[in-house]
């Protein structure tokens, strides 16, 4: 089987993937999933064509976790490039290896996604050569064969990328930096309605169920922030960065929420 043309290497193209997130990843019965599923076991909703049988009503069926997952294009890369279009059903002897490669590829593509965004930020011009250099190196890793990918020391690459992204964040936020310290803070359920949080560092912050209605969240760093059920109704997030569709999909918002131009308003927002 010949591999298909990949449309966008840093955005999920489910039509070119073998339903890897629906098989390789485990989940537990919770507010995000209605049942337990082990790694390597296909989701009961995965069809023969690798499509989801309830894609249009995942939230209604209790699969909210699926709606907030993002592989950053790792699914189609593993399916069409690493395994050259041969799926885990036709080659069951490679299934476990493919499922092990997928989450590693997801981490590599996630790093590429953030590095790509960092290169587009004019405030980070002084870091362009370093950002481009590590981007090229990480991209080369994604083209290795399966065995080489499994042997990668991902934490060491993450450390280098993280340092550059931290420097990028400081440069972007330097002129509007908030006096509030938010980095890594537990803001679970925090009452921050109408708060002036412009230029804040929400890196790794727990914003679960935080009340951020009508808050000023412009030019904030949201990398790794847990935004599940955070209420962004009427909030202004223009100019914020390292913010993903998965994070926005996990939050609440409405037609008055102002997002960065790169993000689309989720369908479930009112």
Protein backbone atom coordinates (compact mmCIF):
# COMPACT_ATOMS: atom_id res chain seq x y z
CA UNK A 1 0.00 0.00 0.00
CA UNK A 2 1.38 3.41 -0.94
CA UNK A 3 1.29 6.26 1.54
CA UNK A 4 -1.18 9.10 1.06
CA UNK A 5 -0.34 12.75 0.66
CA UNK A 6 -0.42 14.48 4.05
CA UNK A 7 -2.32 17.76 3.96
CA UNK A 8 -0.86 19.54 6.98
CA UNK A 9 1.92 17.91 8.95
CA UNK A 10 1.16 19.74 12.22
CA UNK A 11 -2.62 19.42 12.17
CA UNK A 12 -4.56 16.18 12.58
CA UNK A 13 -5.67 14.72 9.26
CA UNK A 14 -7.88 11.84 10.45
CA UNK A 15 -8.58 10.68 6.90
CA UNK A 16 -4.90 9.76 6.55
CA UNK A 17 -4.64 8.05 9.95
CA UNK A 18 -5.39 4.48 11.01
CA UNK A 19 -7.43 5.60 14.03
CA UNK A 20 -4.33 5.44 16.22
CA UNK A 21 -5.64 7.63 19.03
CA UNK A 22 -8.72 5.39 19.18
CA UNK A 23 -6.58 2.28 19.69
CA UNK A 24 -3.14 3.10 21.09
CA UNK A 25 -4.26 5.34 23.94
CA UNK A 26 -5.96 4.09 27.13
CA UNK A 27 -8.65 5.94 29.05
CA UNK A 28 -10.55 5.48 32.29
CA UNK A 29 -14.23 5.86 33.04
CA UNK A 30 -14.64 9.45 34.19
CA UNK A 31 -16.28 12.75 33.32
CA UNK A 32 -14.38 12.54 30.02
CA UNK A 33 -15.16 8.92 29.09
CA UNK A 34 -18.14 6.65 29.85
CA UNK A 35 -16.10 3.42 30.00
CA UNK A 36 -12.58 2.07 30.60
CA UNK A 37 -10.34 1.19 27.66
CA UNK A 38 -6.88 -0.38 27.67
CA UNK A 39 -3.99 0.63 25.44
CA UNK A 40 -4.01 -1.38 22.22
CA UNK A 41 -7.72 -2.13 22.44
CA UNK A 42 -9.81 -0.44 19.71
CA UNK A 43 -12.55 1.86 20.92
CA UNK A 44 -15.94 0.24 20.38
CA UNK A 45 -16.92 3.23 18.21
CA UNK A 46 -14.04 2.76 15.76
CA UNK A 47 -15.37 1.58 12.41
CA UNK A 48 -13.75 -0.64 9.77
CA UNK A 49 -12.67 2.45 7.80
CA UNK A 50 -10.90 3.84 10.89
CA UNK A 51 -13.58 6.52 11.35
CA UNK A 52 -15.50 7.24 14.54
CA UNK A 53 -19.09 6.04 14.45
CA UNK A 54 -20.26 8.78 16.83
CA UNK A 55 -17.96 11.63 15.79
CA UNK A 56 -20.83 14.09 15.50
CA UNK A 57 -22.14 13.41 19.00
CA UNK A 58 -19.08 12.58 21.08
CA UNK A 59 -19.98 14.99 23.88
CA UNK A 60 -23.57 13.75 24.06
CA UNK A 61 -22.32 10.14 24.32
CA UNK A 62 -19.90 10.98 27.14
CA UNK A 63 -16.68 11.03 25.10
CA UNK A 64 -15.70 14.62 25.85
CA UNK A 65 -12.09 13.51 26.22
CA UNK A 66 -11.96 12.68 22.51
CA UNK A 67 -13.02 16.20 21.58
CA UNK A 68 -10.09 17.79 23.42
CA UNK A 69 -7.31 15.49 22.20
CA UNK A 70 -4.80 16.77 19.65
CA UNK A 71 -2.11 14.63 18.01
CA UNK A 72 -0.58 17.60 16.12
CA UNK A 73 -0.45 15.49 12.95
CA UNK A 74 1.39 12.55 14.53
CA UNK A 75 -1.36 10.13 13.52
CA UNK A 76 -0.98 10.57 9.79
CA UNK A 77 2.82 10.77 10.08
CA UNK A 78 3.02 7.37 11.77
CA UNK A 79 0.38 5.87 9.47
CA UNK A 80 1.62 7.16 6.14
CA UNK A 81 5.34 7.86 6.62
CA UNK A 82 6.72 5.65 9.41
CA UNK A 83 4.66 2.63 8.34
CA UNK A 84 4.25 3.63 4.69
CA UNK A 85 0.49 3.14 4.58
CA UNK A 86 0.40 -0.36 6.11
CA UNK A 87 -2.16 -0.40 8.94
CA UNK A 88 -2.20 -2.37 12.19
CA UNK A 89 -5.08 -4.57 11.04
CA UNK A 90 -3.28 -5.79 7.92
CA UNK A 91 0.02 -6.15 9.75
CA UNK A 92 -0.93 -7.25 13.29
CA UNK A 93 2.69 -8.23 14.02
CA UNK A 94 3.55 -4.51 13.87
CA UNK A 95 0.56 -3.28 15.84
CA UNK A 96 2.17 -2.98 19.28
CA UNK A 97 5.23 -1.27 17.85
CA UNK A 98 3.03 1.19 15.96
CA UNK A 99 1.03 1.94 19.11
CA UNK A 100 4.27 2.56 21.04
CA UNK A 101 5.67 4.84 18.34
CA UNK A 102 2.51 6.96 18.13
CA UNK A 103 2.72 8.78 21.54
CA UNK A 104 6.42 9.49 20.96
CA UNK A 105 5.64 10.96 17.55
CA UNK A 106 2.87 13.00 19.18
CA UNK A 107 5.42 14.58 21.53
CA UNK A 108 7.78 15.37 18.66
CA UNK A 109 4.99 16.97 16.63
CA UNK A 110 3.82 18.93 19.66
CA UNK A 111 7.30 20.41 20.00
CA UNK A 112 7.31 21.25 16.29
CA UNK A 113 3.95 22.97 16.63
CA UNK A 114 5.17 25.26 19.43
CA UNK A 115 8.46 25.93 17.65
CA UNK A 116 6.59 26.80 14.47
CA UNK A 117 4.44 29.30 16.37
CA UNK A 118 7.47 30.77 18.13
CA UNK A 119 9.17 31.43 14.79
CA UNK A 120 6.13 33.43 13.68
CA UNK A 121 6.29 35.78 16.68
CA UNK A 122 8.07 38.97 15.68
CA UNK A 123 9.12 39.65 19.28
CA UNK A 124 11.28 36.52 19.10
CA UNK A 125 13.35 37.67 16.11
CA UNK A 126 16.56 37.46 18.14
CA UNK A 127 15.94 33.73 18.64
CA UNK A 128 15.11 32.88 15.04
CA UNK A 129 18.31 31.02 14.20
CA UNK A 130 18.13 28.88 17.33
CA UNK A 131 14.42 28.18 16.85
CA UNK A 132 14.91 27.21 13.23
CA UNK A 133 17.89 25.00 14.05
CA UNK A 134 16.09 22.94 16.70
CA UNK A 135 12.96 22.78 14.52
CA UNK A 136 14.96 21.18 11.71
CA UNK A 137 16.56 18.71 14.14
CA UNK A 138 13.22 17.66 15.65
CA UNK A 139 11.66 17.36 12.21
CA UNK A 140 14.47 15.04 11.15
CA UNK A 141 13.71 12.83 14.15
CA UNK A 142 10.13 12.36 12.96
CA UNK A 143 11.44 10.77 9.77
CA UNK A 144 13.47 8.07 11.53
CA UNK A 145 12.35 4.46 11.36
CA UNK A 146 10.26 2.97 14.13
CA UNK A 147 13.11 1.38 16.06
CA UNK A 148 15.11 4.62 16.10
CA UNK A 149 12.08 6.61 17.26
CA UNK A 150 11.50 4.20 20.13
CA UNK A 151 15.11 4.67 21.24
CA UNK A 152 14.97 8.50 21.36
CA UNK A 153 15.70 10.38 24.59
CA UNK A 154 12.62 12.61 24.38
CA UNK A 155 13.21 14.46 27.72
CA UNK A 156 16.58 15.75 26.50
CA UNK A 157 15.00 17.26 23.38
CA UNK A 158 12.12 18.66 25.41
CA UNK A 159 14.61 20.41 27.71
CA UNK A 160 16.27 22.23 24.81
CA UNK A 161 12.93 23.18 23.24
CA UNK A 162 11.49 24.26 26.58
CA UNK A 163 14.37 26.67 27.24
CA UNK A 164 13.86 28.37 23.88
CA UNK A 165 10.11 28.58 24.39
CA UNK A 166 10.66 30.14 27.83
CA UNK A 167 12.91 32.78 26.28
CA UNK A 168 10.32 33.38 23.58
CA UNK A 169 7.60 33.84 26.18
CA UNK A 170 9.63 36.39 28.11
CA UNK A 171 10.29 38.41 24.97
CA UNK A 172 6.64 38.41 23.88
CA UNK A 173 5.23 39.28 27.30
CA UNK A 174 7.94 41.73 28.38
CA UNK A 175 6.00 44.91 27.59
CA UNK A 176 2.67 43.79 29.03
CA UNK A 177 3.74 41.43 31.79
CA UNK A 178 1.28 41.08 34.65
CA UNK A 179 2.41 41.58 38.23
CA UNK A 180 0.42 38.48 39.21
CA UNK A 181 2.49 35.27 39.49
CA UNK A 182 0.56 32.52 37.72
CA UNK A 183 3.23 30.16 36.40
CA UNK A 184 2.48 26.62 37.55
CA UNK A 185 -0.10 27.88 40.05
CA UNK A 186 -3.09 25.92 41.19
CA UNK A 187 -5.95 28.15 40.04
CA UNK A 188 -8.54 25.38 40.16
CA UNK A 189 -11.93 27.06 40.50
CA UNK A 190 -10.32 30.48 40.98
CA UNK A 191 -12.63 33.49 40.93
CA UNK A 192 -10.97 35.73 38.37
CA UNK A 193 -13.94 37.35 36.67
CA UNK A 194 -12.97 40.65 34.98
CA UNK A 195 -9.40 40.27 36.30
CA UNK A 196 -6.58 42.08 34.53
CA UNK A 197 -4.25 39.18 33.73
CA UNK A 198 -2.73 40.60 30.57
CA UNK A 199 0.74 39.23 29.86
CA UNK A 200 0.47 36.45 32.45
CA UNK A 201 2.49 33.25 32.35
CA UNK A 202 -0.04 30.42 32.68
CA UNK A 203 2.55 27.80 31.76
CA UNK A 204 1.48 24.57 33.46
CA UNK A 205 -1.20 26.34 35.49
CA UNK A 206 -4.28 24.46 36.69
CA UNK A 207 -7.20 26.54 35.43
CA UNK A 208 -9.78 23.78 35.83
CA UNK A 209 -13.25 25.33 36.31
CA UNK A 210 -11.69 28.78 36.85
CA UNK A 211 -14.07 31.71 36.44
CA UNK A 212 -12.34 33.85 33.80
CA UNK A 213 -15.43 35.54 32.46
CA UNK A 214 -14.65 38.92 30.89
CA UNK A 215 -11.03 38.65 32.04
CA UNK A 216 -8.22 40.40 30.16
CA UNK A 217 -6.10 37.48 28.98
CA UNK A 218 -4.31 39.19 26.13
CA UNK A 219 -0.71 38.22 25.30
CA UNK A 220 -0.63 35.35 27.80
CA UNK A 221 1.46 32.16 27.61
CA UNK A 222 -0.86 29.15 27.95
CA UNK A 223 1.56 26.33 27.21
CA UNK A 224 0.57 23.22 29.14
CA UNK A 225 -2.24 24.95 31.04
CA UNK A 226 -5.13 22.70 32.05
CA UNK A 227 -8.23 24.65 30.98
CA UNK A 228 -10.91 22.00 31.45
CA UNK A 229 -14.26 23.71 32.13
CA UNK A 230 -12.60 27.12 32.62
CA UNK A 231 -15.23 29.74 31.81
CA UNK A 232 -13.88 32.12 29.16
CA UNK A 233 -17.21 33.77 28.38
CA UNK A 234 -16.55 37.34 27.30
CA UNK A 235 -12.81 37.01 27.96
CA UNK A 236 -10.23 38.56 25.65
CA UNK A 237 -7.42 36.19 24.64
CA UNK A 238 -6.20 38.12 21.61
CA UNK A 239 -2.47 37.91 21.12
CA UNK A 240 -2.12 34.97 23.49
CA UNK A 241 0.18 32.20 22.35
CA UNK A 242 1.08 28.53 22.79
CA UNK A 243 -2.67 27.99 23.09
CA UNK A 244 -4.08 24.94 21.31
CA UNK A 245 -7.47 23.96 19.92
CA UNK A 246 -7.52 21.12 22.43
CA UNK A 247 -7.27 23.58 25.33
CA UNK A 248 -9.99 25.82 23.92
CA UNK A 249 -12.24 22.82 23.25
CA UNK A 250 -11.90 21.76 26.88
CA UNK A 251 -13.01 25.18 28.13
CA UNK A 252 -16.32 27.06 28.12
CA UNK A 253 -16.96 30.24 26.18
CA UNK A 254 -19.48 32.22 24.17
CA UNK A 255 -19.82 34.48 21.15
CA UNK A 256 -18.19 37.33 23.07
CA UNK A 257 -14.99 35.41 23.78
CA UNK A 258 -12.18 36.90 21.70
CA UNK A 259 -9.62 34.34 20.56
CA UNK A 260 -6.26 34.56 18.77
CA UNK A 261 -6.79 34.65 15.01
CA UNK A 262 -5.29 31.16 14.62
CA UNK A 263 -8.04 29.50 16.67
CA UNK A 264 -11.62 28.72 15.75
CA UNK A 265 -14.53 29.06 18.15
CA UNK A 266 -15.63 25.57 19.31
CA UNK A 267 -19.05 24.44 18.15
CA UNK A 268 -20.19 23.68 21.70
CA UNK A 269 -19.68 27.28 22.87
CA UNK A 270 -22.82 29.34 23.19
